[in-house]
């Protein structure tokens, strides 16, 4: 898998790069950005967890 290739917006790549730079793979935290939901599988493959602070809000936005 290409790391942060075409599957993540350029603006968000820095967060994944920082997580990858640490052996402990820090958890990413997201509030309302739906783009992170779309790349959940790729993050799992990289052993990067993500916490969604507003999952109900995101679910509603993803329906529309």
N, C-alpha and C. Protein backbone atom coordinates (compact mmCIF):
# COMPACT_ATOMS: atom_id res chain seq x y z
N UNK A 1 0.84 -1.18 0.00
CA UNK A 1 0.00 0.00 0.00
C UNK A 1 0.88 1.24 0.00
N UNK A 2 0.52 2.17 -0.82
CA UNK A 2 1.23 3.44 -0.84
C UNK A 2 0.80 4.26 0.37
N UNK A 3 1.75 4.70 1.15
CA UNK A 3 1.42 5.43 2.36
C UNK A 3 0.96 6.83 2.01
N UNK A 4 -0.26 7.11 2.38
CA UNK A 4 -0.87 8.43 2.15
C UNK A 4 -0.88 8.80 0.68
N UNK A 5 -0.96 7.82 -0.18
CA UNK A 5 -0.99 8.09 -1.61
C UNK A 5 -2.23 8.86 -2.01
N UNK A 6 -3.06 8.25 -2.78
CA UNK A 6 -4.26 8.91 -3.29
C UNK A 6 -5.46 8.75 -2.38
N UNK A 7 -5.31 8.02 -1.30
CA UNK A 7 -6.47 7.74 -0.47
C UNK A 7 -6.69 8.76 0.64
N UNK A 8 -5.86 9.77 0.75
CA UNK A 8 -6.02 10.76 1.81
C UNK A 8 -5.72 12.16 1.27
N UNK A 9 -6.56 13.10 1.66
CA UNK A 9 -6.34 14.48 1.21
C UNK A 9 -4.97 14.98 1.68
N UNK A 10 -4.34 15.78 0.85
CA UNK A 10 -3.01 16.30 1.16
C UNK A 10 -2.99 17.03 2.49
N UNK A 11 -4.05 17.76 2.80
CA UNK A 11 -4.12 18.51 4.05
C UNK A 11 -4.05 17.58 5.27
N UNK A 12 -4.58 16.36 5.16
CA UNK A 12 -4.65 15.44 6.29
C UNK A 12 -3.45 14.51 6.40
N UNK A 13 -2.62 14.46 5.41
CA UNK A 13 -1.48 13.53 5.39
C UNK A 13 -0.51 13.75 6.54
N UNK A 14 -0.39 14.98 6.99
CA UNK A 14 0.56 15.27 8.07
C UNK A 14 0.22 14.52 9.35
N UNK A 15 -1.08 14.32 9.61
CA UNK A 15 -1.48 13.61 10.82
C UNK A 15 -1.06 12.15 10.77
N UNK A 16 -1.23 11.53 9.62
CA UNK A 16 -0.80 10.14 9.45
C UNK A 16 0.71 10.06 9.50
N UNK A 17 1.40 11.01 8.90
CA UNK A 17 2.87 11.01 8.92
C UNK A 17 3.40 11.09 10.34
N UNK A 18 2.80 11.92 11.16
CA UNK A 18 3.23 12.03 12.56
C UNK A 18 2.99 10.72 13.30
N UNK A 19 1.83 10.12 13.10
CA UNK A 19 1.54 8.83 13.76
C UNK A 19 2.53 7.76 13.31
N UNK A 20 2.86 7.74 12.03
CA UNK A 20 3.80 6.73 11.52
C UNK A 20 5.22 6.96 12.01
N UNK A 21 5.54 8.17 12.39
CA UNK A 21 6.89 8.49 12.85
C UNK A 21 7.17 7.97 14.27
N UNK A 22 6.12 7.55 14.96
CA UNK A 22 6.27 7.07 16.34
C UNK A 22 5.99 5.58 16.42
N UNK A 23 6.83 4.87 17.13
CA UNK A 23 6.65 3.42 17.28
C UNK A 23 5.32 3.07 17.93
N UNK A 24 4.83 3.93 18.82
CA UNK A 24 3.59 3.63 19.53
C UNK A 24 2.34 3.89 18.70
N UNK A 25 2.49 4.43 17.51
CA UNK A 25 1.36 4.74 16.62
C UNK A 25 0.24 5.47 17.37
N UNK A 26 0.46 6.74 17.72
CA UNK A 26 -0.57 7.48 18.46
C UNK A 26 -1.92 7.45 17.75
N UNK A 27 -2.96 7.48 18.53
CA UNK A 27 -4.32 7.48 18.02
C UNK A 27 -4.67 8.85 17.45
N UNK A 28 -5.32 8.84 16.30
CA UNK A 28 -5.82 10.08 15.72
C UNK A 28 -7.20 10.37 16.31
N UNK A 29 -7.53 11.63 16.45
CA UNK A 29 -8.82 12.04 17.00
C UNK A 29 -9.51 12.92 15.98
N UNK A 30 -10.76 12.60 15.67
CA UNK A 30 -11.53 13.34 14.69
C UNK A 30 -12.86 13.77 15.30
N UNK A 31 -13.27 14.97 14.98
CA UNK A 31 -14.55 15.46 15.48
C UNK A 31 -15.64 15.33 14.41
N UNK A 32 -15.52 16.05 13.31
CA UNK A 32 -16.62 16.11 12.35
C UNK A 32 -16.20 15.93 10.89
N UNK A 33 -14.99 15.55 10.62
CA UNK A 33 -14.50 15.41 9.24
C UNK A 33 -14.86 14.02 8.72
N UNK A 34 -15.73 13.95 7.73
CA UNK A 34 -16.18 12.66 7.20
C UNK A 34 -15.11 11.94 6.38
N UNK A 35 -14.09 12.64 5.94
CA UNK A 35 -13.04 12.01 5.12
C UNK A 35 -12.33 10.88 5.88
N UNK A 36 -12.19 11.01 7.18
CA UNK A 36 -11.49 9.99 7.95
C UNK A 36 -12.26 8.67 7.96
N UNK A 37 -13.56 8.74 7.90
CA UNK A 37 -14.38 7.52 7.85
C UNK A 37 -14.06 6.72 6.58
N UNK A 38 -13.85 7.43 5.50
CA UNK A 38 -13.60 6.79 4.21
C UNK A 38 -12.26 6.07 4.15
N UNK A 39 -11.32 6.43 5.02
CA UNK A 39 -9.99 5.81 4.98
C UNK A 39 -9.72 4.94 6.21
N UNK A 40 -10.77 4.57 6.90
CA UNK A 40 -10.64 3.77 8.13
C UNK A 40 -9.87 2.47 7.88
N UNK A 41 -10.18 1.79 6.80
CA UNK A 41 -9.51 0.51 6.49
C UNK A 41 -8.01 0.70 6.26
N UNK A 42 -7.65 1.73 5.53
CA UNK A 42 -6.24 1.99 5.27
C UNK A 42 -5.50 2.32 6.57
N UNK A 43 -6.15 3.07 7.45
CA UNK A 43 -5.54 3.39 8.74
C UNK A 43 -5.32 2.12 9.56
N UNK A 44 -6.28 1.22 9.54
CA UNK A 44 -6.14 -0.05 10.27
C UNK A 44 -4.95 -0.84 9.74
N UNK A 45 -4.76 -0.86 8.43
CA UNK A 45 -3.64 -1.58 7.85
C UNK A 45 -2.31 -1.00 8.30
N UNK A 46 -2.30 0.30 8.58
CA UNK A 46 -1.09 0.96 9.06
C UNK A 46 -0.97 0.90 10.58
N UNK A 47 -1.92 0.22 11.23
CA UNK A 47 -1.95 0.10 12.70
C UNK A 47 -2.14 1.45 13.38
N UNK A 48 -2.95 2.32 12.75
CA UNK A 48 -3.28 3.62 13.32
C UNK A 48 -4.77 3.61 13.68
N UNK A 49 -5.06 3.85 14.94
CA UNK A 49 -6.45 3.92 15.40
C UNK A 49 -6.95 5.35 15.27
N UNK A 50 -8.27 5.47 15.15
CA UNK A 50 -8.88 6.80 15.10
C UNK A 50 -10.10 6.79 16.03
N UNK A 51 -10.21 7.84 16.81
CA UNK A 51 -11.36 8.02 17.70
C UNK A 51 -12.26 9.07 17.08
N UNK A 52 -13.52 8.73 16.92
CA UNK A 52 -14.51 9.67 16.40
C UNK A 52 -15.23 10.29 17.60
N UNK A 53 -15.06 11.59 17.80
CA UNK A 53 -15.66 12.26 18.95
C UNK A 53 -17.17 12.47 18.80
N UNK A 54 -17.62 12.57 17.56
CA UNK A 54 -19.04 12.85 17.29
C UNK A 54 -19.60 11.81 16.31
N UNK A 55 -19.64 10.54 16.70
CA UNK A 55 -20.04 9.50 15.74
C UNK A 55 -21.47 9.66 15.23
N UNK A 56 -22.39 10.13 16.06
CA UNK A 56 -23.77 10.31 15.61
C UNK A 56 -23.86 11.41 14.54
N UNK A 57 -23.14 12.49 14.77
CA UNK A 57 -23.11 13.57 13.79
C UNK A 57 -22.53 13.10 12.47
N UNK A 58 -21.44 12.34 12.55
CA UNK A 58 -20.80 11.84 11.32
C UNK A 58 -21.74 10.88 10.58
N UNK A 59 -22.41 10.01 11.32
CA UNK A 59 -23.34 9.06 10.69
C UNK A 59 -24.44 9.81 9.95
N UNK A 60 -24.94 10.87 10.55
CA UNK A 60 -25.98 11.67 9.91
C UNK A 60 -25.45 12.35 8.66
N UNK A 61 -24.27 12.90 8.72
CA UNK A 61 -23.66 13.56 7.55
C UNK A 61 -23.38 12.57 6.44
N UNK A 62 -22.98 11.35 6.79
CA UNK A 62 -22.66 10.35 5.78
C UNK A 62 -23.91 9.85 5.07
N UNK A 63 -25.05 9.95 5.71
CA UNK A 63 -26.31 9.54 5.07
C UNK A 63 -26.72 10.49 3.97
N UNK A 64 -26.35 11.75 4.10
CA UNK A 64 -26.78 12.78 3.13
C UNK A 64 -25.84 12.91 1.98
